[in-house]
PDB file of all heavy atoms in Angstrom:
ATOM      1  N   VAL A   1     -61.632  40.390  36.344  1.00  0.00           N
ATOM      2  CA  VAL A   1     -61.055  39.159  36.900  1.00  0.00           C
ATOM      3  C   VAL A   1     -59.725  39.514  37.552  1.00  0.00           C
ATOM      4  O   VAL A   1     -58.833  40.079  36.902  1.00  0.00           O
ATOM      5  CB  VAL A   1     -60.844  38.094  35.801  1.00  0.00           C
ATOM      6  CG1 VAL A   1     -60.173  36.859  36.390  1.00  0.00           C
ATOM      7  CG2 VAL A   1     -62.184  37.739  35.155  1.00  0.00           C
ATOM      8  N   ASP A   2     -59.591  39.185  38.824  1.00  0.00           N
ATOM      9  CA  ASP A   2     -58.340  39.424  39.542  1.00  0.00           C
ATOM     10  C   ASP A   2     -57.285  38.455  39.013  1.00  0.00           C
ATOM     11  O   ASP A   2     -57.414  37.239  39.156  1.00  0.00           O
ATOM     12  CB  ASP A   2     -58.561  39.207  41.042  1.00  0.00           C
ATOM     13  CG  ASP A   2     -57.373  39.664  41.885  1.00  0.00           C
ATOM     14  OD1 ASP A   2     -56.223  39.584  41.402  1.00  0.00           O
ATOM     15  OD2 ASP A   2     -57.578  40.083  43.040  1.00  0.00           O
ATOM     16  N   VAL A   3     -56.249  38.999  38.391  1.00  0.00           N
ATOM     17  CA  VAL A   3     -55.191  38.171  37.811  1.00  0.00           C
ATOM     18  C   VAL A   3     -53.855  38.395  38.530  1.00  0.00           C
ATOM     19  O   VAL A   3     -52.795  38.141  37.966  1.00  0.00           O
ATOM     20  CB  VAL A   3     -55.037  38.426  36.292  1.00  0.00           C
ATOM     21  CG1 VAL A   3     -56.297  38.015  35.547  1.00  0.00           C
ATOM     22  CG2 VAL A   3     -54.693  39.891  36.012  1.00  0.00           C
ATOM     23  N   SER A   4     -53.936  38.847  39.775  1.00  0.00           N
ATOM     24  CA  SER A   4     -52.714  39.145  40.529  1.00  0.00           C
ATOM     25  C   SER A   4     -51.782  37.948  40.597  1.00  0.00           C
ATOM     26  O   SER A   4     -50.551  38.105  40.562  1.00  0.00           O
ATOM     27  CB  SER A   4     -53.076  39.615  41.941  1.00  0.00           C
ATOM     28  OG  SER A   4     -53.935  40.744  41.909  1.00  0.00           O
ATOM     29  N   SER A   5     -52.346  36.751  40.676  1.00  0.00           N
ATOM     30  CA  SER A   5     -51.518  35.544  40.822  1.00  0.00           C
ATOM     31  C   SER A   5     -50.979  35.039  39.488  1.00  0.00           C
ATOM     32  O   SER A   5     -50.135  34.124  39.484  1.00  0.00           O
ATOM     33  CB  SER A   5     -52.331  34.431  41.491  1.00  0.00           C
ATOM     34  OG  SER A   5     -53.410  34.035  40.663  1.00  0.00           O
ATOM     35  N   THR A   6     -51.438  35.607  38.377  1.00  0.00           N
ATOM     36  CA  THR A   6     -50.991  35.119  37.068  1.00  0.00           C
ATOM     37  C   THR A   6     -50.385  36.234  36.204  1.00  0.00           C
ATOM     38  O   THR A   6     -50.160  36.025  35.014  1.00  0.00           O
ATOM     39  CB  THR A   6     -52.157  34.470  36.295  1.00  0.00           C
ATOM     40  OG1 THR A   6     -53.244  35.401  36.189  1.00  0.00           O
ATOM     41  CG2 THR A   6     -52.636  33.202  36.985  1.00  0.00           C
ATOM     42  N   VAL A   7     -50.109  37.389  36.806  1.00  0.00           N
ATOM     43  CA  VAL A   7     -49.508  38.489  36.039  1.00  0.00           C
ATOM     44  C   VAL A   7     -48.185  38.061  35.418  1.00  0.00           C
ATOM     45  O   VAL A   7     -47.901  38.355  34.247  1.00  0.00           O
ATOM     46  CB  VAL A   7     -49.305  39.731  36.926  1.00  0.00           C
ATOM     47  CG1 VAL A   7     -48.422  40.755  36.216  1.00  0.00           C
ATOM     48  CG2 VAL A   7     -50.638  40.367  37.268  1.00  0.00           C
ATOM     49  N   ASP A   8     -47.349  37.371  36.185  1.00  0.00           N
ATOM     50  CA  ASP A   8     -46.041  36.981  35.653  1.00  0.00           C
ATOM     51  C   ASP A   8     -46.178  36.002  34.491  1.00  0.00           C
ATOM     52  O   ASP A   8     -45.378  36.039  33.546  1.00  0.00           O
ATOM     53  CB  ASP A   8     -45.182  36.368  36.765  1.00  0.00           C
ATOM     54  CG  ASP A   8     -44.717  37.411  37.772  1.00  0.00           C
ATOM     55  OD1 ASP A   8     -44.761  38.617  37.444  1.00  0.00           O
ATOM     56  OD2 ASP A   8     -44.332  37.035  38.893  1.00  0.00           O
ATOM     57  N   VAL A   9     -47.185  35.125  34.545  1.00  0.00           N
ATOM     58  CA  VAL A   9     -47.429  34.209  33.427  1.00  0.00           C
ATOM     59  C   VAL A   9     -47.865  34.995  32.196  1.00  0.00           C
ATOM     60  O   VAL A   9     -47.391  34.760  31.077  1.00  0.00           O
ATOM     61  CB  VAL A   9     -48.500  33.167  33.798  1.00  0.00           C
ATOM     62  CG1 VAL A   9     -48.828  32.277  32.600  1.00  0.00           C
ATOM     63  CG2 VAL A   9     -48.037  32.319  34.971  1.00  0.00           C
ATOM     64  N   LYS A  10     -48.765  35.945  32.394  1.00  0.00           N
ATOM     65  CA  LYS A  10     -49.239  36.778  31.288  1.00  0.00           C
ATOM     66  C   LYS A  10     -48.080  37.525  30.642  1.00  0.00           C
ATOM     67  O   LYS A  10     -47.935  37.532  29.408  1.00  0.00           O
ATOM     68  CB  LYS A  10     -50.277  37.769  31.814  1.00  0.00           C
ATOM     69  CG  LYS A  10     -50.777  38.790  30.779  1.00  0.00           C
ATOM     70  CD  LYS A  10     -51.710  39.792  31.435  1.00  0.00           C
ATOM     71  CE  LYS A  10     -52.211  40.848  30.454  1.00  0.00           C
ATOM     72  NZ  LYS A  10     -53.251  40.296  29.556  1.00  0.00           N
ATOM     73  N   LEU A  11     -47.239  38.153  31.448  1.00  0.00           N
ATOM     74  CA  LEU A  11     -46.127  38.921  30.913  1.00  0.00           C
ATOM     75  C   LEU A  11     -45.100  38.023  30.232  1.00  0.00           C
ATOM     76  O   LEU A  11     -44.518  38.406  29.210  1.00  0.00           O
ATOM     77  CB  LEU A  11     -45.481  39.750  32.018  1.00  0.00           C
ATOM     78  CG  LEU A  11     -46.354  40.911  32.507  1.00  0.00           C
ATOM     79  CD1 LEU A  11     -45.776  41.512  33.782  1.00  0.00           C
ATOM     80  CD2 LEU A  11     -46.495  41.969  31.431  1.00  0.00           C
ATOM     81  N   ALA A  12     -44.881  36.836  30.773  1.00  0.00           N
ATOM     82  CA  ALA A  12     -43.970  35.895  30.120  1.00  0.00           C
ATOM     83  C   ALA A  12     -44.505  35.511  28.744  1.00  0.00           C
ATOM     84  O   ALA A  12     -43.736  35.383  27.780  1.00  0.00           O
ATOM     85  CB  ALA A  12     -43.786  34.653  30.991  1.00  0.00           C
ATOM     86  N   ALA A  13     -45.825  35.325  28.639  1.00  0.00           N
ATOM     87  CA  ALA A  13     -46.426  34.989  27.349  1.00  0.00           C
ATOM     88  C   ALA A  13     -46.276  36.148  26.365  1.00  0.00           C
ATOM     89  O   ALA A  13     -45.943  35.944  25.191  1.00  0.00           O
ATOM     90  CB  ALA A  13     -47.898  34.629  27.537  1.00  0.00           C
ATOM     91  N   ILE A  14     -46.508  37.366  26.831  1.00  0.00           N
ATOM     92  CA  ILE A  14     -46.372  38.528  25.957  1.00  0.00           C
ATOM     93  C   ILE A  14     -44.936  38.682  25.469  1.00  0.00           C
ATOM     94  O   ILE A  14     -44.684  38.986  24.292  1.00  0.00           O
ATOM     95  CB  ILE A  14     -46.840  39.802  26.686  1.00  0.00           C
ATOM     96  CG1 ILE A  14     -48.352  39.760  26.933  1.00  0.00           C
ATOM     97  CG2 ILE A  14     -46.485  41.052  25.868  1.00  0.00           C
ATOM     98  CD1 ILE A  14     -48.873  40.896  27.792  1.00  0.00           C
ATOM     99  N   ARG A  15     -43.982  38.440  26.353  1.00  0.00           N
ATOM    100  CA  ARG A  15     -42.578  38.625  26.002  1.00  0.00           C
ATOM    101  C   ARG A  15     -42.124  37.629  24.932  1.00  0.00           C
ATOM    102  O   ARG A  15     -41.148  37.897  24.215  1.00  0.00           O
ATOM    103  CB  ARG A  15     -41.705  38.509  27.243  1.00  0.00           C
ATOM    104  CG  ARG A  15     -41.874  39.676  28.225  1.00  0.00           C
ATOM    105  CD  ARG A  15     -41.072  39.446  29.498  1.00  0.00           C
ATOM    106  NE  ARG A  15     -39.657  39.681  29.272  1.00  0.00           N
ATOM    107  CZ  ARG A  15     -39.045  40.851  29.488  1.00  0.00           C
ATOM    108  NH1 ARG A  15     -39.733  41.895  29.918  1.00  0.00           N
ATOM    109  NH2 ARG A  15     -37.758  40.970  29.284  1.00  0.00           N
ATOM    110  N   VAL A  16     -42.809  36.506  24.819  1.00  0.00           N
ATOM    111  CA  VAL A  16     -42.474  35.542  23.768  1.00  0.00           C
ATOM    112  C   VAL A  16     -42.646  36.175  22.388  1.00  0.00           C
ATOM    113  O   VAL A  16     -41.911  35.852  21.446  1.00  0.00           O
ATOM    114  CB  VAL A  16     -43.337  34.273  23.902  1.00  0.00           C
ATOM    115  CG1 VAL A  16     -43.160  33.368  22.690  1.00  0.00           C
ATOM    116  CG2 VAL A  16     -42.983  33.519  25.179  1.00  0.00           C
ATOM    117  N   HIS A  17     -43.569  37.114  22.278  1.00  0.00           N
ATOM    118  CA  HIS A  17     -43.823  37.764  20.992  1.00  0.00           C
ATOM    119  C   HIS A  17     -42.809  38.886  20.761  1.00  0.00           C
ATOM    120  O   HIS A  17     -43.165  40.028  20.431  1.00  0.00           O
ATOM    121  CB  HIS A  17     -45.242  38.320  20.968  1.00  0.00           C
ATOM    122  CG  HIS A  17     -46.319  37.297  21.170  1.00  0.00           C
ATOM    123  ND1 HIS A  17     -46.773  36.488  20.159  1.00  0.00           N
ATOM    124  CD2 HIS A  17     -47.007  36.934  22.282  1.00  0.00           C
ATOM    125  CE1 HIS A  17     -47.720  35.680  20.628  1.00  0.00           C
ATOM    126  NE2 HIS A  17     -47.883  35.933  21.917  1.00  0.00           N
ATOM    127  N   ALA A  18     -41.552  38.549  20.906  1.00  0.00           N
ATOM    128  CA  ALA A  18     -40.484  39.561  20.845  1.00  0.00           C
ATOM    129  C   ALA A  18     -40.383  40.216  19.483  1.00  0.00           C
ATOM    130  O   ALA A  18     -39.923  41.360  19.375  1.00  0.00           O
ATOM    131  CB  ALA A  18     -39.145  38.917  21.227  1.00  0.00           C
ATOM    132  N   SER A  19     -40.818  39.542  18.437  1.00  0.00           N
ATOM    133  CA  SER A  19     -40.737  40.120  17.092  1.00  0.00           C
ATOM    134  C   SER A  19     -41.637  41.345  16.945  1.00  0.00           C
ATOM    135  O   SER A  19     -41.470  42.135  16.014  1.00  0.00           O
ATOM    136  CB  SER A  19     -41.123  39.076  16.042  1.00  0.00           C
ATOM    137  OG  SER A  19     -42.498  38.726  16.144  1.00  0.00           O
ATOM    138  N   GLN A  20     -42.573  41.510  17.860  1.00  0.00           N
ATOM    139  CA  GLN A  20     -43.544  42.604  17.761  1.00  0.00           C
ATOM    140  C   GLN A  20     -43.256  43.758  18.723  1.00  0.00           C
ATOM    141  O   GLN A  20     -43.942  44.779  18.677  1.00  0.00           O
ATOM    142  CB  GLN A  20     -44.952  42.079  18.054  1.00  0.00           C
ATOM    143  CG  GLN A  20     -45.350  40.873  17.233  1.00  0.00           C
ATOM    144  CD  GLN A  20     -45.185  41.110  15.751  1.00  0.00           C
ATOM    145  OE1 GLN A  20     -45.782  42.028  15.190  1.00  0.00           O
ATOM    146  NE2 GLN A  20     -44.343  40.301  15.106  1.00  0.00           N
ATOM    147  N   HIS A  21     -42.257  43.590  19.600  1.00  0.00           N
ATOM    148  CA  HIS A  21     -42.079  44.555  20.689  1.00  0.00           C
ATOM    149  C   HIS A  21     -40.603  44.929  20.822  1.00  0.00           C
ATOM    150  O   HIS A  21     -39.829  44.235  21.487  1.00  0.00           O
ATOM    151  CB  HIS A  21     -42.606  43.972  22.000  1.00  0.00           C
ATOM    152  CG  HIS A  21     -44.015  43.476  21.883  1.00  0.00           C
ATOM    153  ND1 HIS A  21     -45.081  44.313  21.648  1.00  0.00           N
ATOM    154  CD2 HIS A  21     -44.527  42.220  21.918  1.00  0.00           C
ATOM    155  CE1 HIS A  21     -46.186  43.596  21.561  1.00  0.00           C
ATOM    156  NE2 HIS A  21     -45.880  42.330  21.710  1.00  0.00           N
ATOM    157  N   PRO A  22     -40.208  46.054  20.218  1.00  0.00           N
ATOM    158  CA  PRO A  22     -38.801  46.454  20.274  1.00  0.00           C
ATOM    159  C   PRO A  22     -38.353  46.886  21.663  1.00  0.00           C
ATOM    160  O   PRO A  22     -37.160  46.893  21.956  1.00  0.00           O
ATOM    161  CB  PRO A  22     -38.733  47.622  19.285  1.00  0.00           C
ATOM    162  CG  PRO A  22     -40.132  48.144  19.216  1.00  0.00           C
ATOM    163  CD  PRO A  22     -41.016  46.957  19.394  1.00  0.00           C
ATOM    164  N   ASP A  23     -39.281  47.258  22.547  1.00  0.00           N
ATOM    165  CA  ASP A  23     -38.953  47.688  23.906  1.00  0.00           C
ATOM    166  C   ASP A  23     -39.703  46.811  24.900  1.00  0.00           C
ATOM    167  O   ASP A  23     -40.773  47.174  25.406  1.00  0.00           O
ATOM    168  CB  ASP A  23     -39.319  49.165  24.093  1.00  0.00           C
ATOM    169  CG  ASP A  23     -38.987  49.691  25.491  1.00  0.00           C
ATOM    170  OD1 ASP A  23     -38.358  48.952  26.271  1.00  0.00           O
ATOM    171  OD2 ASP A  23     -39.376  50.834  25.790  1.00  0.00           O
ATOM    172  N   LEU A  24     -39.149  45.640  25.175  1.00  0.00           N
ATOM    173  CA  LEU A  24     -39.830  44.683  26.044  1.00  0.00           C
ATOM    174  C   LEU A  24     -39.991  45.205  27.463  1.00  0.00           C
ATOM    175  O   LEU A  24     -41.016  44.971  28.116  1.00  0.00           O
ATOM    176  CB  LEU A  24     -39.077  43.352  26.049  1.00  0.00           C
ATOM    177  CG  LEU A  24     -39.185  42.519  24.765  1.00  0.00           C
ATOM    178  CD1 LEU A  24     -38.258  41.315  24.839  1.00  0.00           C
ATOM    179  CD2 LEU A  24     -40.619  42.070  24.524  1.00  0.00           C
ATOM    180  N   GLU A  25     -38.975  45.918  27.967  1.00  0.00           N
ATOM    181  CA  GLU A  25     -39.075  46.424  29.337  1.00  0.00           C
ATOM    182  C   GLU A  25     -40.157  47.494  29.441  1.00  0.00           C
ATOM    183  O   GLU A  25     -40.925  47.538  30.414  1.00  0.00           O
ATOM    184  CB  GLU A  25     -37.721  46.988  29.782  1.00  0.00           C
ATOM    185  CG  GLU A  25     -36.603  45.953  29.816  1.00  0.00           C
ATOM    186  CD  GLU A  25     -36.977  44.712  30.613  1.00  0.00           C
ATOM    187  OE1 GLU A  25     -37.576  44.863  31.707  1.00  0.00           O
ATOM    188  OE2 GLU A  25     -36.677  43.596  30.148  1.00  0.00           O
ATOM    189  N   GLY A  26     -40.228  48.385  28.454  1.00  0.00           N
ATOM    190  CA  GLY A  26     -41.274  49.396  28.445  1.00  0.00           C
ATOM    191  C   GLY A  26     -42.653  48.778  28.328  1.00  0.00           C
ATOM    192  O   GLY A  26     -43.608  49.223  28.978  1.00  0.00           O
ATOM    193  N   MET A  27     -42.775  47.747  27.480  1.00  0.00           N
ATOM    194  CA  MET A  27     -44.036  47.041  27.322  1.00  0.00           C
ATOM    195  C   MET A  27     -44.453  46.411  28.645  1.00  0.00           C
ATOM    196  O   MET A  27     -45.604  46.515  29.079  1.00  0.00           O
ATOM    197  CB  MET A  27     -43.902  45.972  26.233  1.00  0.00           C
ATOM    198  CG  MET A  27     -45.129  45.119  26.010  1.00  0.00           C
ATOM    199  SD  MET A  27     -45.226  43.700  27.144  1.00  0.00           S
ATOM    200  CE  MET A  27     -43.713  42.840  26.748  1.00  0.00           C
ATOM    201  N   ASP A  28     -43.507  45.769  29.323  1.00  0.00           N
ATOM    202  CA  ASP A  28     -43.774  45.113  30.592  1.00  0.00           C
ATOM    203  C   ASP A  28     -44.335  46.106  31.609  1.00  0.00           C
ATOM    204  O   ASP A  28     -45.361  45.858  32.260  1.00  0.00           O
ATOM    205  CB  ASP A  28     -42.476  44.484  31.104  1.00  0.00           C
ATOM    206  CG  ASP A  28     -42.686  43.566  32.297  1.00  0.00           C
ATOM    207  OD1 ASP A  28     -43.089  44.073  33.359  1.00  0.00           O
ATOM    208  OD2 ASP A  28     -42.409  42.362  32.180  1.00  0.00           O
ATOM    209  N   ALA A  29     -43.670  47.245  31.734  1.00  0.00           N
ATOM    210  CA  ALA A  29     -44.101  48.259  32.701  1.00  0.00           C
ATOM    211  C   ALA A  29     -45.482  48.808  32.346  1.00  0.00           C
ATOM    212  O   ALA A  29     -46.325  49.029  33.230  1.00  0.00           O
ATOM    213  CB  ALA A  29     -43.079  49.386  32.762  1.00  0.00           C
ATOM    214  N   SER A  30     -45.735  49.025  31.067  1.00  0.00           N
ATOM    215  CA  SER A  30     -47.028  49.558  30.633  1.00  0.00           C
ATOM    216  C   SER A  30     -48.161  48.581  30.938  1.00  0.00           C
ATOM    217  O   SER A  30     -49.235  48.987  31.394  1.00  0.00           O
ATOM    218  CB  SER A  30     -46.998  49.873  29.140  1.00  0.00           C
ATOM    219  OG  SER A  30     -46.097  50.918  28.858  1.00  0.00           O
ATOM    220  N   VAL A  31     -47.934  47.308  30.680  1.00  0.00           N
ATOM    221  CA  VAL A  31     -48.968  46.305  30.945  1.00  0.00           C
ATOM    222  C   VAL A  31     -49.260  46.221  32.431  1.00  0.00           C
ATOM    223  O   VAL A  31     -50.422  46.147  32.854  1.00  0.00           O
ATOM    224  CB  VAL A  31     -48.561  44.932  30.375  1.00  0.00           C
ATOM    225  CG1 VAL A  31     -49.533  43.840  30.840  1.00  0.00           C
ATOM    226  CG2 VAL A  31     -48.524  44.977  28.853  1.00  0.00           C
ATOM    227  N   ARG A  32     -48.225  46.237  33.252  1.00  0.00           N
ATOM    228  CA  ARG A  32     -48.441  46.191  34.712  1.00  0.00           C
ATOM    229  C   ARG A  32     -49.291  47.382  35.169  1.00  0.00           C
ATOM    230  O   ARG A  32     -50.229  47.219  35.969  1.00  0.00           O
ATOM    231  CB  ARG A  32     -47.098  46.178  35.446  1.00  0.00           C
ATOM    232  CG  ARG A  32     -46.341  44.862  35.322  1.00  0.00           C
ATOM    233  CD  ARG A  32     -45.053  44.889  36.149  1.00  0.00           C
ATOM    234  NE  ARG A  32     -44.256  43.701  35.931  1.00  0.00           N
ATOM    235  CZ  ARG A  32     -44.431  42.550  36.585  1.00  0.00           C
ATOM    236  NH1 ARG A  32     -45.388  42.449  37.500  1.00  0.00           N
ATOM    237  NH2 ARG A  32     -43.648  41.516  36.324  1.00  0.00           N
ATOM    238  N   ARG A  33     -48.981  48.568  34.682  1.00  0.00           N
ATOM    239  CA  ARG A  33     -49.757  49.756  35.062  1.00  0.00           C
ATOM    240  C   ARG A  33     -51.202  49.636  34.597  1.00  0.00           C
ATOM    241  O   ARG A  33     -52.140  49.988  35.323  1.00  0.00           O
ATOM    242  CB  ARG A  33     -49.125  51.016  34.460  1.00  0.00           C
ATOM    243  CG  ARG A  33     -47.842  51.460  35.133  1.00  0.00           C
ATOM    244  CD  ARG A  33     -47.479  52.885  34.722  1.00  0.00           C
ATOM    245  NE  ARG A  33     -47.320  53.017  33.281  1.00  0.00           N
ATOM    246  CZ  ARG A  33     -46.162  52.847  32.637  1.00  0.00           C
ATOM    247  NH1 ARG A  33     -45.062  52.530  33.322  1.00  0.00           N
ATOM    248  NH2 ARG A  33     -46.099  52.997  31.331  1.00  0.00           N
ATOM    249  N   PHE A  34     -51.389  49.144  33.389  1.00  0.00           N
ATOM    250  CA  PHE A  34     -52.723  48.998  32.827  1.00  0.00           C
ATOM    251  C   PHE A  34     -53.568  48.029  33.667  1.00  0.00           C
ATOM    252  O   PHE A  34     -54.739  48.310  33.978  1.00  0.00           O
ATOM    253  CB  PHE A  34     -52.607  48.495  31.383  1.00  0.00           C
ATOM    254  CG  PHE A  34     -53.894  48.456  30.627  1.00  0.00           C
ATOM    255  CD1 PHE A  34     -54.499  49.621  30.191  1.00  0.00           C
ATOM    256  CD2 PHE A  34     -54.494  47.239  30.320  1.00  0.00           C
ATOM    257  CE1 PHE A  34     -55.694  49.585  29.484  1.00  0.00           C
ATOM    258  CE2 PHE A  34     -55.684  47.199  29.614  1.00  0.00           C
ATOM    259  CZ  PHE A  34     -56.287  48.371  29.192  1.00  0.00           C
ATOM    260  N   LEU A  35     -52.975  46.914  34.074  1.00  0.00           N
ATOM    261  CA  LEU A  35     -53.698  45.922  34.871  1.00  0.00           C
ATOM    262  C   LEU A  35     -54.039  46.460  36.250  1.00  0.00           C
ATOM    263  O   LEU A  35     -55.122  46.200  36.792  1.00  0.00           O
ATOM    264  CB  LEU A  35     -52.871  44.640  34.993  1.00  0.00           C
ATOM    265  CG  LEU A  35     -52.595  43.876  33.695  1.00  0.00           C
ATOM    266  CD1 LEU A  35     -51.655  42.709  33.952  1.00  0.00           C
ATOM    267  CD2 LEU A  35     -53.891  43.382  33.054  1.00  0.00           C
ATOM    268  N   GLN A  36     -53.127  47.218  36.841  1.00  0.00           N
ATOM    269  CA  GLN A  36     -53.389  47.803  38.157  1.00  0.00           C
ATOM    270  C   GLN A  36     -54.469  48.874  38.074  1.00  0.00           C
ATOM    271  O   GLN A  36     -55.303  49.008  38.975  1.00  0.00           O
ATOM    272  CB  GLN A  36     -52.093  48.352  38.738  1.00  0.00           C
ATOM    273  CG  GLN A  36     -51.113  47.253  39.139  1.00  0.00           C
ATOM    274  CD  GLN A  36     -49.730  47.768  39.470  1.00  0.00           C
ATOM    275  OE1 GLN A  36     -49.470  48.970  39.433  1.00  0.00           O
ATOM    276  NE2 GLN A  36     -48.829  46.847  39.799  1.00  0.00           N
ATOM    277  N   ASP A  37     -54.470  49.637  36.982  1.00  0.00           N
ATOM    278  CA  ASP A  37     -55.525  50.628  36.786  1.00  0.00           C
ATOM    279  C   ASP A  37     -56.879  49.949  36.631  1.00  0.00           C
ATOM    280  O   ASP A  37     -57.890  50.424  37.174  1.00  0.00           O
ATOM    281  CB  ASP A  37     -55.211  51.484  35.553  1.00  0.00           C
ATOM    282  CG  ASP A  37     -56.301  52.500  35.274  1.00  0.00           C
ATOM    283  OD1 ASP A  37     -56.517  53.383  36.124  1.00  0.00           O
ATOM    284  OD2 ASP A  37     -56.953  52.409  34.205  1.00  0.00           O
ATOM    285  N   ASN A  38     -56.926  48.846  35.901  1.00  0.00           N
ATOM    286  CA  ASN A  38     -58.169  48.079  35.793  1.00  0.00           C
ATOM    287  C   ASN A  38     -58.697  47.701  37.170  1.00  0.00           C
ATOM    288  O   ASN A  38     -59.892  47.836  37.457  1.00  0.00           O
ATOM    289  CB  ASN A  38     -57.941  46.793  34.991  1.00  0.00           C
ATOM    290  CG  ASN A  38     -57.802  47.020  33.510  1.00  0.00           C
ATOM    291  OD1 ASN A  38     -58.170  48.068  32.987  1.00  0.00           O
ATOM    292  ND2 ASN A  38     -57.256  46.027  32.817  1.00  0.00           N
TER     293      ASN A  38
END
């Protein structure tokens, strides 16, 4: 599913779970790369 138009929404939702992610910027970059590879 092409989610190019909703990537920022997805990442904003993930960032809400800050208690689980000590490196939010690294997580953000990794997710973007993963989605582009898909």
